[in-house]
């Protein structure tokens, strides 16, 4: 389970200038702002389906899945 442990390691690092958690994707403009901010700096990761406290919730709706 390399992927699962990799994701857990990322979550343990928490949010920082290179990493952001999004619980839901219901506002494409907010997502775009996060991605543009990463693109304008040194890059980063956007983890979708993760609460700010690090709990994994997953992507719930088909619309969210397609927005990712």
N, C-alpha and C. Protein backbone atom coordinates (compact mmCIF):
# COMPACT_ATOMS: atom_id res chain seq x y z
N UNK A 1 0.82 -1.19 0.00
CA UNK A 1 0.00 0.00 0.00
C UNK A 1 0.86 1.26 0.00
N UNK A 2 1.70 1.39 -0.97
CA UNK A 2 2.56 2.56 -1.04
C UNK A 2 1.77 3.85 -1.15
N UNK A 3 0.73 3.83 -1.97
CA UNK A 3 -0.07 5.04 -2.18
C UNK A 3 -0.74 5.51 -0.90
N UNK A 4 -1.30 4.58 -0.15
CA UNK A 4 -2.00 4.94 1.08
C UNK A 4 -1.03 5.54 2.09
N UNK A 5 0.14 4.96 2.23
CA UNK A 5 1.10 5.51 3.19
C UNK A 5 1.63 6.86 2.72
N UNK A 6 1.77 7.05 1.42
CA UNK A 6 2.21 8.33 0.87
C UNK A 6 1.19 9.42 1.19
N UNK A 7 -0.08 9.11 0.99
CA UNK A 7 -1.15 10.07 1.28
C UNK A 7 -1.17 10.39 2.78
N UNK A 8 -1.04 9.36 3.61
CA UNK A 8 -1.02 9.59 5.06
C UNK A 8 0.15 10.49 5.46
N UNK A 9 1.31 10.28 4.85
CA UNK A 9 2.47 11.13 5.13
C UNK A 9 2.20 12.58 4.74
N UNK A 10 1.56 12.78 3.59
CA UNK A 10 1.22 14.14 3.17
C UNK A 10 0.26 14.80 4.16
N UNK A 11 -0.73 14.05 4.60
CA UNK A 11 -1.71 14.59 5.55
C UNK A 11 -1.03 14.95 6.87
N UNK A 12 -0.12 14.11 7.33
CA UNK A 12 0.60 14.39 8.58
C UNK A 12 1.39 15.68 8.50
N UNK A 13 1.85 16.05 7.30
CA UNK A 13 2.58 17.31 7.13
C UNK A 13 1.67 18.51 7.34
N UNK A 14 0.38 18.34 7.16
CA UNK A 14 -0.58 19.42 7.33
C UNK A 14 -0.55 20.41 6.18
N UNK A 15 -1.35 21.43 6.33
CA UNK A 15 -1.41 22.48 5.32
C UNK A 15 -0.24 23.44 5.52
N UNK A 16 0.30 23.89 4.42
CA UNK A 16 1.40 24.84 4.46
C UNK A 16 1.43 25.57 3.12
N UNK A 17 2.49 26.32 2.86
CA UNK A 17 2.53 27.09 1.61
C UNK A 17 2.60 26.21 0.37
N UNK A 18 2.93 24.94 0.55
CA UNK A 18 3.04 24.02 -0.59
C UNK A 18 1.90 23.00 -0.64
N UNK A 19 1.01 23.04 0.34
CA UNK A 19 -0.01 22.01 0.42
C UNK A 19 -1.29 22.57 1.03
N UNK A 20 -2.41 22.26 0.38
CA UNK A 20 -3.71 22.74 0.84
C UNK A 20 -4.69 21.58 0.82
N UNK A 21 -5.57 21.53 1.83
CA UNK A 21 -6.62 20.52 1.90
C UNK A 21 -7.93 21.18 1.50
N UNK A 22 -8.73 20.46 0.74
CA UNK A 22 -10.09 20.91 0.41
C UNK A 22 -11.05 19.79 0.77
N UNK A 23 -12.02 20.12 1.62
CA UNK A 23 -13.02 19.15 2.05
C UNK A 23 -13.98 18.82 0.91
N UNK A 24 -14.48 19.84 0.26
CA UNK A 24 -15.38 19.66 -0.88
C UNK A 24 -14.95 20.58 -2.01
N UNK A 25 -15.36 20.21 -3.19
CA UNK A 25 -15.13 21.08 -4.36
C UNK A 25 -16.50 21.53 -4.82
N UNK A 26 -16.90 22.70 -4.36
CA UNK A 26 -18.19 23.22 -4.78
C UNK A 26 -18.05 24.63 -5.36
N UNK A 27 -16.83 25.12 -5.40
CA UNK A 27 -16.58 26.45 -5.95
C UNK A 27 -15.33 26.40 -6.81
N UNK A 28 -15.53 26.31 -8.11
CA UNK A 28 -14.39 26.17 -9.01
C UNK A 28 -13.46 27.38 -8.96
N UNK A 29 -13.98 28.55 -8.61
CA UNK A 29 -13.13 29.74 -8.52
C UNK A 29 -12.14 29.62 -7.36
N UNK A 30 -12.58 29.06 -6.23
CA UNK A 30 -11.67 28.87 -5.09
C UNK A 30 -10.57 27.88 -5.44
N UNK A 31 -10.95 26.82 -6.13
CA UNK A 31 -9.97 25.82 -6.54
C UNK A 31 -8.98 26.45 -7.51
N UNK A 32 -9.49 27.21 -8.46
CA UNK A 32 -8.61 27.88 -9.43
C UNK A 32 -7.64 28.82 -8.73
N UNK A 33 -8.12 29.56 -7.73
CA UNK A 33 -7.23 30.47 -6.99
C UNK A 33 -6.11 29.71 -6.29
N UNK A 34 -6.44 28.59 -5.69
CA UNK A 34 -5.42 27.78 -5.02
C UNK A 34 -4.39 27.28 -6.02
N UNK A 35 -4.86 26.79 -7.15
CA UNK A 35 -3.94 26.25 -8.16
C UNK A 35 -3.08 27.35 -8.78
N UNK A 36 -3.67 28.52 -9.02
CA UNK A 36 -2.90 29.64 -9.57
C UNK A 36 -1.85 30.10 -8.56
N UNK A 37 -2.21 30.12 -7.29
CA UNK A 37 -1.23 30.50 -6.26
C UNK A 37 -0.05 29.54 -6.25
N UNK A 38 -0.33 28.25 -6.36
CA UNK A 38 0.76 27.27 -6.44
C UNK A 38 1.60 27.49 -7.69
N UNK A 39 0.93 27.74 -8.81
CA UNK A 39 1.64 27.92 -10.08
C UNK A 39 2.52 29.17 -10.06
N UNK A 40 2.10 30.19 -9.33
CA UNK A 40 2.86 31.44 -9.28
C UNK A 40 3.99 31.42 -8.25
N UNK A 41 4.09 30.33 -7.50
CA UNK A 41 5.17 30.22 -6.52
C UNK A 41 6.02 29.01 -6.89
N UNK A 42 6.35 28.22 -5.90
CA UNK A 42 7.21 27.05 -6.14
C UNK A 42 6.42 25.77 -6.36
N UNK A 43 5.14 25.88 -6.67
CA UNK A 43 4.32 24.69 -6.88
C UNK A 43 3.65 24.27 -5.58
N UNK A 44 2.93 23.17 -5.64
CA UNK A 44 2.26 22.69 -4.45
C UNK A 44 1.30 21.56 -4.76
N UNK A 45 0.63 21.12 -3.69
CA UNK A 45 -0.33 20.01 -3.80
C UNK A 45 -1.68 20.46 -3.28
N UNK A 46 -2.72 20.04 -3.96
CA UNK A 46 -4.08 20.27 -3.50
C UNK A 46 -4.68 18.90 -3.23
N UNK A 47 -4.94 18.61 -1.97
CA UNK A 47 -5.51 17.32 -1.58
C UNK A 47 -7.01 17.50 -1.39
N UNK A 48 -7.79 16.85 -2.21
CA UNK A 48 -9.24 16.99 -2.21
C UNK A 48 -9.86 15.84 -1.42
N UNK A 49 -10.89 16.18 -0.63
CA UNK A 49 -11.55 15.17 0.19
C UNK A 49 -10.88 15.03 1.54
N UNK A 50 -10.15 16.06 1.96
CA UNK A 50 -9.47 16.06 3.25
C UNK A 50 -9.94 17.29 4.03
N UNK A 51 -10.40 17.08 5.26
CA UNK A 51 -10.78 18.22 6.11
C UNK A 51 -9.53 18.92 6.62
N UNK A 52 -9.70 20.14 7.11
CA UNK A 52 -8.57 20.92 7.62
C UNK A 52 -7.84 20.20 8.76
N UNK A 53 -8.57 19.37 9.51
CA UNK A 53 -7.95 18.64 10.62
C UNK A 53 -7.25 17.36 10.17
N UNK A 54 -7.27 17.07 8.86
CA UNK A 54 -6.58 15.91 8.32
C UNK A 54 -7.45 14.67 8.16
N UNK A 55 -8.71 14.74 8.56
CA UNK A 55 -9.61 13.60 8.37
C UNK A 55 -9.92 13.42 6.90
N UNK A 56 -9.83 12.18 6.44
CA UNK A 56 -10.14 11.86 5.05
C UNK A 56 -11.64 11.65 4.92
N UNK A 57 -12.25 12.40 4.01
CA UNK A 57 -13.69 12.26 3.77
C UNK A 57 -13.97 11.69 2.39
N UNK A 58 -13.05 11.87 1.48
CA UNK A 58 -13.25 11.42 0.12
C UNK A 58 -14.10 12.40 -0.67
N UNK A 59 -14.29 12.09 -1.92
CA UNK A 59 -15.11 12.91 -2.81
C UNK A 59 -16.48 12.27 -2.84
N UNK A 60 -17.50 13.04 -2.51
CA UNK A 60 -18.82 12.48 -2.28
C UNK A 60 -19.73 12.42 -3.51
N UNK A 61 -19.72 13.43 -4.32
CA UNK A 61 -20.68 13.46 -5.43
C UNK A 61 -19.98 13.27 -6.76
N UNK A 62 -20.73 12.85 -7.72
CA UNK A 62 -20.18 12.66 -9.07
C UNK A 62 -19.69 13.99 -9.64
N UNK A 63 -20.38 15.07 -9.32
CA UNK A 63 -19.96 16.39 -9.79
C UNK A 63 -18.58 16.75 -9.24
N UNK A 64 -18.36 16.50 -7.94
CA UNK A 64 -17.05 16.76 -7.35
C UNK A 64 -15.98 15.91 -8.02
N UNK A 65 -16.30 14.65 -8.26
CA UNK A 65 -15.36 13.73 -8.89
C UNK A 65 -14.92 14.27 -10.24
N UNK A 66 -15.86 14.76 -11.03
CA UNK A 66 -15.54 15.27 -12.36
C UNK A 66 -14.80 16.61 -12.32
N UNK A 67 -15.03 17.41 -11.28
CA UNK A 67 -14.33 18.68 -11.15
C UNK A 67 -12.85 18.46 -10.84
N UNK A 68 -12.55 17.36 -10.16
CA UNK A 68 -11.16 17.04 -9.85
C UNK A 68 -10.47 16.68 -11.13
